[in-house]
């Protein structure tokens, strides 16, 4: 799955989708998708990522208390 890195618009390949959907995980493992060579994995803060369409991630992926209101 690919998301967009908000600060510069680069695409980020999500390496662990379970981290992405876990509301208790503030960061996830991914790598920039740029150039011809595969980039090294690094940690990304979920709040810095959006869908490629600029739509925000669902609240249930970011907030552990999403069901409380």
N, C-alpha and C. Protein backbone atom coordinates (compact mmCIF):
# COMPACT_ATOMS: atom_id res chain seq x y z
N UNK A 1 0.85 -1.17 0.00
CA UNK A 1 0.00 0.00 0.00
C UNK A 1 0.89 1.23 0.00
N UNK A 2 0.46 2.25 -0.72
CA UNK A 2 1.22 3.49 -0.79
C UNK A 2 0.42 4.63 -0.16
N UNK A 3 1.13 5.47 0.58
CA UNK A 3 0.56 6.68 1.15
C UNK A 3 1.43 7.85 0.74
N UNK A 4 0.93 9.06 0.91
CA UNK A 4 1.68 10.26 0.56
C UNK A 4 2.23 10.90 1.83
N UNK A 5 3.52 11.25 1.77
CA UNK A 5 4.19 11.94 2.88
C UNK A 5 3.81 13.41 2.79
N UNK A 6 3.06 13.88 3.76
CA UNK A 6 2.49 15.22 3.73
C UNK A 6 3.51 16.35 3.54
N UNK A 7 4.67 16.33 4.22
CA UNK A 7 5.60 17.46 4.09
C UNK A 7 6.10 17.75 2.67
N UNK A 8 6.32 16.70 1.86
CA UNK A 8 6.85 16.99 0.53
C UNK A 8 6.11 16.29 -0.62
N UNK A 9 5.07 15.52 -0.32
CA UNK A 9 4.27 14.89 -1.36
C UNK A 9 4.83 13.61 -1.93
N UNK A 10 5.91 13.09 -1.36
CA UNK A 10 6.52 11.85 -1.84
C UNK A 10 5.64 10.65 -1.49
N UNK A 11 5.72 9.62 -2.32
CA UNK A 11 5.01 8.39 -2.02
C UNK A 11 5.82 7.52 -1.07
N UNK A 12 5.11 6.91 -0.12
CA UNK A 12 5.73 6.03 0.87
C UNK A 12 5.08 4.66 0.76
N UNK A 13 5.89 3.63 0.59
CA UNK A 13 5.39 2.27 0.58
C UNK A 13 5.29 1.78 2.02
N UNK A 14 4.10 1.41 2.45
CA UNK A 14 3.89 0.90 3.81
C UNK A 14 4.35 -0.55 3.85
N UNK A 15 5.27 -0.86 4.77
CA UNK A 15 5.83 -2.21 4.83
C UNK A 15 5.05 -3.12 5.77
N UNK A 16 4.33 -2.55 6.73
CA UNK A 16 3.56 -3.35 7.67
C UNK A 16 2.16 -2.75 7.81
N UNK A 17 1.21 -3.33 7.12
CA UNK A 17 -0.15 -2.80 7.11
C UNK A 17 -0.79 -2.91 8.50
N UNK A 18 -0.39 -3.91 9.29
CA UNK A 18 -0.93 -4.05 10.65
C UNK A 18 -0.57 -2.83 11.50
N UNK A 19 0.65 -2.31 11.36
CA UNK A 19 1.04 -1.09 12.08
C UNK A 19 0.17 0.08 11.65
N UNK A 20 -0.13 0.14 10.37
CA UNK A 20 -0.94 1.23 9.84
C UNK A 20 -2.32 1.25 10.48
N UNK A 21 -2.93 0.10 10.62
CA UNK A 21 -4.29 0.01 11.15
C UNK A 21 -4.37 -0.03 12.67
N UNK A 22 -3.24 -0.17 13.35
CA UNK A 22 -3.21 -0.24 14.81
C UNK A 22 -3.26 1.17 15.40
N UNK A 23 -4.36 1.54 16.08
CA UNK A 23 -4.46 2.89 16.62
C UNK A 23 -3.48 3.18 17.76
N UNK A 24 -2.87 2.14 18.33
CA UNK A 24 -1.90 2.33 19.41
C UNK A 24 -0.48 2.54 18.89
N UNK A 25 -0.27 2.33 17.60
CA UNK A 25 1.05 2.55 16.98
C UNK A 25 1.08 3.95 16.38
N UNK A 26 1.95 4.81 16.90
CA UNK A 26 2.05 6.19 16.41
C UNK A 26 2.89 6.28 15.14
N UNK A 27 3.74 5.28 14.91
CA UNK A 27 4.62 5.27 13.75
C UNK A 27 4.45 3.96 12.98
N UNK A 28 4.94 3.96 11.75
CA UNK A 28 4.92 2.74 10.97
C UNK A 28 6.19 2.65 10.15
N UNK A 29 6.48 1.45 9.72
CA UNK A 29 7.67 1.19 8.92
C UNK A 29 7.32 1.33 7.44
N UNK A 30 8.15 2.07 6.72
CA UNK A 30 7.90 2.28 5.31
C UNK A 30 9.17 2.73 4.61
N UNK A 31 9.05 2.92 3.30
CA UNK A 31 10.20 3.44 2.54
C UNK A 31 9.68 4.33 1.42
N UNK A 32 10.46 5.36 1.14
CA UNK A 32 10.10 6.24 0.04
C UNK A 32 10.13 5.47 -1.27
N UNK A 33 9.21 5.78 -2.14
CA UNK A 33 9.14 5.15 -3.45
C UNK A 33 9.60 6.20 -4.46
N UNK A 34 10.92 6.25 -4.67
CA UNK A 34 11.49 7.26 -5.55
C UNK A 34 12.74 6.70 -6.21
N UNK A 35 12.96 7.09 -7.44
CA UNK A 35 14.15 6.64 -8.15
C UNK A 35 14.04 5.19 -8.58
N UNK A 36 15.13 4.67 -9.13
CA UNK A 36 15.16 3.31 -9.64
C UNK A 36 15.57 2.30 -8.58
N UNK A 37 16.29 2.74 -7.57
CA UNK A 37 16.77 1.83 -6.53
C UNK A 37 15.80 1.82 -5.36
N UNK A 38 15.67 0.64 -4.74
CA UNK A 38 14.81 0.52 -3.57
C UNK A 38 15.44 1.27 -2.40
N UNK A 39 14.65 2.11 -1.75
CA UNK A 39 15.14 2.92 -0.64
C UNK A 39 15.17 2.09 0.65
N UNK A 40 15.96 2.53 1.61
CA UNK A 40 16.04 1.85 2.90
C UNK A 40 14.79 2.12 3.71
N UNK A 41 14.32 1.12 4.47
CA UNK A 41 13.15 1.34 5.34
C UNK A 41 13.46 2.37 6.43
N UNK A 42 12.44 3.09 6.82
CA UNK A 42 12.56 4.05 7.92
C UNK A 42 11.21 4.17 8.62
N UNK A 43 11.20 4.86 9.72
CA UNK A 43 9.99 5.03 10.52
C UNK A 43 9.31 6.34 10.13
N UNK A 44 7.98 6.29 9.97
CA UNK A 44 7.19 7.46 9.62
C UNK A 44 6.11 7.65 10.68
N UNK A 45 5.89 8.88 11.09
CA UNK A 45 4.79 9.20 11.99
C UNK A 45 3.50 9.18 11.18
N UNK A 46 2.49 8.50 11.71
CA UNK A 46 1.23 8.36 10.97
C UNK A 46 0.58 9.70 10.65
N UNK A 47 0.73 10.68 11.50
CA UNK A 47 0.11 11.98 11.26
C UNK A 47 0.74 12.71 10.08
N UNK A 48 1.92 12.27 9.64
CA UNK A 48 2.59 12.87 8.48
C UNK A 48 2.17 12.21 7.16
N UNK A 49 1.26 11.23 7.23
CA UNK A 49 0.87 10.48 6.04
C UNK A 49 -0.61 10.67 5.73
N UNK A 50 -0.93 10.72 4.45
CA UNK A 50 -2.31 10.80 3.96
C UNK A 50 -2.41 9.85 2.76
N UNK A 51 -3.63 9.59 2.32
CA UNK A 51 -3.81 8.81 1.10
C UNK A 51 -3.33 9.64 -0.09
N UNK A 52 -2.94 8.99 -1.19
CA UNK A 52 -2.48 9.75 -2.37
C UNK A 52 -3.47 10.79 -2.87
N UNK A 53 -4.76 10.61 -2.57
CA UNK A 53 -5.78 11.58 -2.99
C UNK A 53 -5.89 12.76 -2.02
N UNK A 54 -4.99 12.83 -1.04
CA UNK A 54 -4.96 13.84 0.03
C UNK A 54 -6.06 13.65 1.07
N UNK A 55 -6.74 12.52 1.03
CA UNK A 55 -7.74 12.21 2.05
C UNK A 55 -7.02 11.74 3.30
N UNK A 56 -7.49 12.20 4.45
CA UNK A 56 -6.88 11.81 5.72
C UNK A 56 -7.17 10.34 6.02
N UNK A 57 -6.31 9.75 6.84
CA UNK A 57 -6.53 8.36 7.25
C UNK A 57 -7.73 8.29 8.19
N UNK A 58 -8.39 7.15 8.25
CA UNK A 58 -9.53 7.02 9.16
C UNK A 58 -9.11 7.21 10.62
N UNK A 59 -9.98 7.81 11.37
CA UNK A 59 -9.69 8.09 12.79
C UNK A 59 -9.41 6.81 13.57
N UNK A 60 -10.05 5.70 13.19
CA UNK A 60 -9.84 4.44 13.91
C UNK A 60 -8.43 3.88 13.72
N UNK A 61 -7.66 4.40 12.76
CA UNK A 61 -6.27 4.01 12.59
C UNK A 61 -5.32 4.88 13.40
N UNK A 62 -5.81 6.01 13.90
CA UNK A 62 -4.95 6.98 14.58
C UNK A 62 -5.26 7.17 16.07
N UNK A 63 -6.50 7.02 16.45
CA UNK A 63 -6.95 7.36 17.79
C UNK A 63 -7.46 6.12 18.53
N UNK A 64 -6.77 5.67 19.58
CA UNK A 64 -7.23 4.48 20.31
C UNK A 64 -8.61 4.66 20.95
N UNK A 65 -9.04 5.88 21.18
CA UNK A 65 -10.34 6.13 21.81
C UNK A 65 -11.38 6.59 20.78
N UNK A 66 -11.21 6.19 19.53
CA UNK A 66 -12.10 6.66 18.46
C UNK A 66 -13.56 6.29 18.71
N UNK A 67 -13.82 5.19 19.36
CA UNK A 67 -15.19 4.73 19.57
C UNK A 67 -15.91 5.45 20.71
N UNK A 68 -15.19 6.29 21.43
CA UNK A 68 -15.80 7.01 22.55
C UNK A 68 -16.36 8.38 22.16
N UNK A 69 -16.29 8.70 20.92
CA UNK A 69 -16.92 9.95 20.55
C UNK A 69 -16.11 10.81 19.73
